[in-house]
Amino acid sequence: MDVKRLNRQSERNPGSKLALNWRVLGLLNLYRVLVPLVLVSLYSLGGGRRGLAESPGLFFAAGGFYLGFALFSVLLVRKRLGSAKRPWM
């Protein structure tokens, strides 16, 4: 059996389990992007000035880092770099 050929065929079928896995990763990345945006916007609107963070600079840095990580994850999933199509495997 040619495993590479089977992988390519399963990716084209929208009902396959592999396509479902990629859709789930896409939804997870949407959540990853929305969480830091919502937290930073709520903090900057004044909702959490007292109890949310002791150090606003650290809070914004962590939010920015997490947003950058989320956007990088979106790019990886869009390019499907995490798939089993790597030539060295």
N, C-alpha and C. Protein backbone atom coordinates (compact mmCIF):
# COMPACT_ATOMS: atom_id res chain seq x y z
N MET A 1 0.83 -1.20 0.00
CA MET A 1 0.00 0.00 0.00
C MET A 1 0.87 1.25 0.00
N ASP A 2 0.43 2.24 -0.72
CA ASP A 2 1.15 3.51 -0.78
C ASP A 2 0.50 4.47 0.22
N VAL A 3 1.17 4.69 1.34
CA VAL A 3 0.61 5.49 2.43
C VAL A 3 0.44 6.94 2.01
N LYS A 4 1.40 7.48 1.26
CA LYS A 4 1.30 8.88 0.82
C LYS A 4 0.08 9.09 -0.05
N ARG A 5 -0.21 8.13 -0.92
CA ARG A 5 -1.38 8.26 -1.79
C ARG A 5 -2.66 8.21 -0.97
N LEU A 6 -2.70 7.35 0.03
CA LEU A 6 -3.89 7.27 0.89
C LEU A 6 -4.09 8.55 1.68
N ASN A 7 -3.00 9.14 2.17
CA ASN A 7 -3.11 10.41 2.91
C ASN A 7 -3.67 11.50 2.03
N ARG A 8 -3.20 11.58 0.79
CA ARG A 8 -3.70 12.62 -0.11
C ARG A 8 -5.17 12.42 -0.42
N GLN A 9 -5.59 11.18 -0.61
CA GLN A 9 -6.99 10.92 -0.92
C GLN A 9 -7.89 11.25 0.27
N SER A 10 -7.45 10.96 1.47
CA SER A 10 -8.30 11.22 2.64
C SER A 10 -8.42 12.71 2.93
N GLU A 11 -7.40 13.50 2.56
CA GLU A 11 -7.48 14.94 2.79
C GLU A 11 -8.49 15.60 1.87
N ARG A 12 -8.68 15.05 0.69
CA ARG A 12 -9.60 15.65 -0.26
C ARG A 12 -11.05 15.38 0.09
N ASN A 13 -11.31 14.32 0.81
CA ASN A 13 -12.67 13.96 1.17
C ASN A 13 -13.10 14.79 2.38
N PRO A 14 -14.10 15.69 2.21
CA PRO A 14 -14.47 16.57 3.32
C PRO A 14 -15.10 15.83 4.50
N GLY A 15 -15.56 14.62 4.31
CA GLY A 15 -16.17 13.88 5.40
C GLY A 15 -15.20 12.99 6.14
N SER A 16 -13.95 13.04 5.78
CA SER A 16 -12.98 12.14 6.40
C SER A 16 -12.63 12.60 7.81
N LYS A 17 -12.05 11.67 8.55
CA LYS A 17 -11.64 11.98 9.92
C LYS A 17 -10.51 13.01 9.95
N LEU A 18 -9.63 12.96 8.95
CA LEU A 18 -8.53 13.92 8.88
C LEU A 18 -9.05 15.34 8.66
N ALA A 19 -10.06 15.48 7.81
CA ALA A 19 -10.66 16.80 7.58
C ALA A 19 -11.33 17.31 8.86
N LEU A 20 -11.95 16.40 9.61
CA LEU A 20 -12.57 16.80 10.88
C LEU A 20 -11.51 17.26 11.87
N ASN A 21 -10.37 16.59 11.89
CA ASN A 21 -9.29 17.00 12.79
C ASN A 21 -8.82 18.41 12.47
N TRP A 22 -8.69 18.73 11.19
CA TRP A 22 -8.25 20.07 10.80
C TRP A 22 -9.30 21.12 11.14
N ARG A 23 -10.58 20.76 11.03
CA ARG A 23 -11.64 21.70 11.41
C ARG A 23 -11.61 21.98 12.90
N VAL A 24 -11.37 20.97 13.70
CA VAL A 24 -11.29 21.14 15.16
C VAL A 24 -10.10 22.03 15.51
N LEU A 25 -8.97 21.83 14.83
CA LEU A 25 -7.81 22.69 15.07
C LEU A 25 -8.10 24.14 14.67
N GLY A 26 -8.88 24.33 13.61
CA GLY A 26 -9.27 25.68 13.21
C GLY A 26 -10.12 26.36 14.27
N LEU A 27 -11.05 25.61 14.86
CA LEU A 27 -11.89 26.18 15.93
C LEU A 27 -11.07 26.48 17.18
N LEU A 28 -10.12 25.62 17.49
CA LEU A 28 -9.25 25.88 18.63
C LEU A 28 -8.43 27.15 18.40
N ASN A 29 -7.97 27.36 17.19
CA ASN A 29 -7.20 28.57 16.90
C ASN A 29 -8.07 29.81 16.95
N LEU A 30 -9.33 29.70 16.55
CA LEU A 30 -10.24 30.84 16.69
C LEU A 30 -10.39 31.21 18.17
N TYR A 31 -10.52 30.21 19.02
CA TYR A 31 -10.59 30.45 20.47
C TYR A 31 -9.30 31.08 20.97
N ARG A 32 -8.16 30.59 20.47
CA ARG A 32 -6.87 31.12 20.90
C ARG A 32 -6.70 32.59 20.53
N VAL A 33 -7.26 33.00 19.41
CA VAL A 33 -7.15 34.40 18.99
C VAL A 33 -8.12 35.28 19.78
N LEU A 34 -9.31 34.77 20.04
CA LEU A 34 -10.33 35.58 20.71
C LEU A 34 -10.04 35.81 22.19
N VAL A 35 -9.45 34.84 22.87
CA VAL A 35 -9.22 34.97 24.31
C VAL A 35 -8.33 36.17 24.66
N PRO A 36 -7.15 36.32 24.06
CA PRO A 36 -6.35 37.50 24.45
C PRO A 36 -6.97 38.81 24.00
N LEU A 37 -7.66 38.80 22.86
CA LEU A 37 -8.32 40.03 22.42
C LEU A 37 -9.39 40.48 23.41
N VAL A 38 -10.19 39.53 23.87
CA VAL A 38 -11.26 39.87 24.83
C VAL A 38 -10.67 40.30 26.17
N LEU A 39 -9.67 39.57 26.67
CA LEU A 39 -9.09 39.92 27.97
C LEU A 39 -8.42 41.29 27.96
N VAL A 40 -7.65 41.57 26.92
CA VAL A 40 -6.96 42.86 26.85
C VAL A 40 -7.96 43.99 26.64
N SER A 41 -8.99 43.76 25.84
CA SER A 41 -9.99 44.82 25.63
C SER A 41 -10.80 45.07 26.90
N LEU A 42 -11.15 44.03 27.64
CA LEU A 42 -11.87 44.24 28.90
C LEU A 42 -11.00 44.97 29.92
N TYR A 43 -9.72 44.63 29.95
CA TYR A 43 -8.82 45.29 30.89
C TYR A 43 -8.66 46.77 30.53
N SER A 44 -8.51 47.05 29.23
CA SER A 44 -8.29 48.45 28.85
C SER A 44 -9.56 49.28 28.93
N LEU A 45 -10.72 48.65 28.94
CA LEU A 45 -11.97 49.39 29.13
C LEU A 45 -12.21 49.72 30.60
N GLY A 46 -11.40 49.20 31.49
CA GLY A 46 -11.50 49.56 32.89
C GLY A 46 -12.23 48.56 33.75
N GLY A 47 -12.60 47.43 33.20
CA GLY A 47 -13.35 46.44 33.97
C GLY A 47 -12.54 45.71 35.00
N GLY A 48 -11.26 45.57 34.81
CA GLY A 48 -10.48 44.76 35.73
C GLY A 48 -9.26 45.46 36.28
N ARG A 49 -9.33 46.72 36.52
CA ARG A 49 -8.15 47.47 36.97
C ARG A 49 -7.66 47.01 38.35
N ARG A 50 -8.54 46.55 39.19
CA ARG A 50 -8.12 46.27 40.56
C ARG A 50 -7.73 44.81 40.79
N GLY A 51 -8.54 43.87 40.31
CA GLY A 51 -8.28 42.49 40.68
C GLY A 51 -7.66 41.63 39.60
N LEU A 52 -7.63 42.08 38.39
CA LEU A 52 -7.18 41.22 37.30
C LEU A 52 -5.67 41.10 37.23
N ALA A 53 -4.98 42.19 37.35
CA ALA A 53 -3.52 42.13 37.22
C ALA A 53 -2.86 43.17 38.11
N GLU A 54 -1.83 42.75 38.78
CA GLU A 54 -1.07 43.67 39.62
C GLU A 54 -0.16 44.55 38.76
N SER A 55 0.36 43.97 37.70
CA SER A 55 1.29 44.68 36.81
C SER A 55 0.68 44.78 35.41
N PRO A 56 0.18 45.95 35.03
CA PRO A 56 -0.45 46.08 33.71
C PRO A 56 0.51 45.81 32.55
N GLY A 57 1.76 46.17 32.70
CA GLY A 57 2.73 45.92 31.64
C GLY A 57 2.92 44.44 31.37
N LEU A 58 3.01 43.67 32.46
CA LEU A 58 3.15 42.23 32.33
C LEU A 58 1.89 41.62 31.73
N PHE A 59 0.73 42.12 32.12
CA PHE A 59 -0.54 41.62 31.59
C PHE A 59 -0.61 41.85 30.08
N PHE A 60 -0.27 43.07 29.62
CA PHE A 60 -0.32 43.36 28.19
C PHE A 60 0.75 42.59 27.42
N ALA A 61 1.91 42.38 28.03
CA ALA A 61 2.96 41.60 27.38
C ALA A 61 2.53 40.15 27.21
N ALA A 62 1.93 39.57 28.26
CA ALA A 62 1.47 38.19 28.17
C ALA A 62 0.33 38.06 27.16
N GLY A 63 -0.57 39.04 27.14
CA GLY A 63 -1.66 39.03 26.16
C GLY A 63 -1.13 39.14 24.73
N GLY A 64 -0.13 40.00 24.54
CA GLY A 64 0.47 40.15 23.22
C GLY A 64 1.21 38.90 22.78
N PHE A 65 1.93 38.29 23.72
CA PHE A 65 2.63 37.05 23.40
C PHE A 65 1.66 35.95 23.03
N TYR A 66 0.57 35.82 23.79
CA TYR A 66 -0.42 34.78 23.51
C TYR A 66 -1.11 35.03 22.18
N LEU A 67 -1.38 36.30 21.87
CA LEU A 67 -1.98 36.63 20.58
C LEU A 67 -1.03 36.29 19.44
N GLY A 68 0.25 36.60 19.60
CA GLY A 68 1.24 36.24 18.59
C GLY A 68 1.34 34.74 18.39
N PHE A 69 1.32 33.99 19.50
CA PHE A 69 1.33 32.53 19.42
C PHE A 69 0.09 32.01 18.69
N ALA A 70 -1.05 32.61 18.97
CA ALA A 70 -2.30 32.18 18.33
C ALA A 70 -2.26 32.46 16.84
N LEU A 71 -1.77 33.61 16.45
CA LEU A 71 -1.68 33.93 15.02
C LEU A 71 -0.68 33.02 14.31
N PHE A 72 0.42 32.69 14.99
CA PHE A 72 1.38 31.75 14.42
C PHE A 72 0.74 30.37 14.25
N SER A 73 -0.07 29.95 15.21
CA SER A 73 -0.76 28.67 15.11
C SER A 73 -1.76 28.67 13.96
N VAL A 74 -2.43 29.80 13.75
CA VAL A 74 -3.35 29.90 12.62
C VAL A 74 -2.59 29.71 11.31
N LEU A 75 -1.43 30.33 11.20
CA LEU A 75 -0.64 30.18 9.98
C LEU A 75 -0.20 28.73 9.77
N LEU A 76 0.21 28.06 10.85
CA LEU A 76 0.63 26.67 10.72
C LEU A 76 -0.51 25.77 10.28
N VAL A 77 -1.69 25.99 10.84
CA VAL A 77 -2.83 25.16 10.46
C VAL A 77 -3.26 25.46 9.03
N ARG A 78 -3.21 26.73 8.64
CA ARG A 78 -3.56 27.08 7.26
C ARG A 78 -2.62 26.43 6.26
N LYS A 79 -1.36 26.39 6.59
CA LYS A 79 -0.37 25.78 5.70
C LYS A 79 -0.29 24.27 5.89
N ARG A 80 -0.91 23.77 6.95
CA ARG A 80 -0.92 22.35 7.30
C ARG A 80 0.49 21.80 7.47
N LEU A 81 1.31 22.57 8.17
CA LEU A 81 2.67 22.12 8.42
C LEU A 81 2.72 21.02 9.47
N GLY A 82 1.66 20.84 10.21
CA GLY A 82 1.66 19.80 11.22
C GLY A 82 1.18 18.46 10.68
N SER A 83 0.96 18.34 9.38
CA SER A 83 0.41 17.10 8.83
C SER A 83 1.50 16.04 8.65
N ALA A 84 1.09 14.88 8.23
CA ALA A 84 2.02 13.77 8.06
C ALA A 84 2.64 13.76 6.67
N LYS A 85 2.61 14.86 5.98
CA LYS A 85 3.15 14.91 4.63
C LYS A 85 4.62 15.34 4.64
N ARG A 86 5.30 15.23 5.73
CA ARG A 86 6.69 15.64 5.80
C ARG A 86 7.55 14.64 5.04
N PRO A 87 8.49 15.11 4.24
CA PRO A 87 9.28 14.18 3.44
C PRO A 87 10.26 13.34 4.26
N TRP A 88 10.64 13.81 5.43
CA TRP A 88 11.63 13.06 6.22
C TRP A 88 11.00 11.97 7.05
N MET A 89 9.70 11.83 7.02
CA MET A 89 9.05 10.77 7.81
C MET A 89 8.72 9.59 6.94
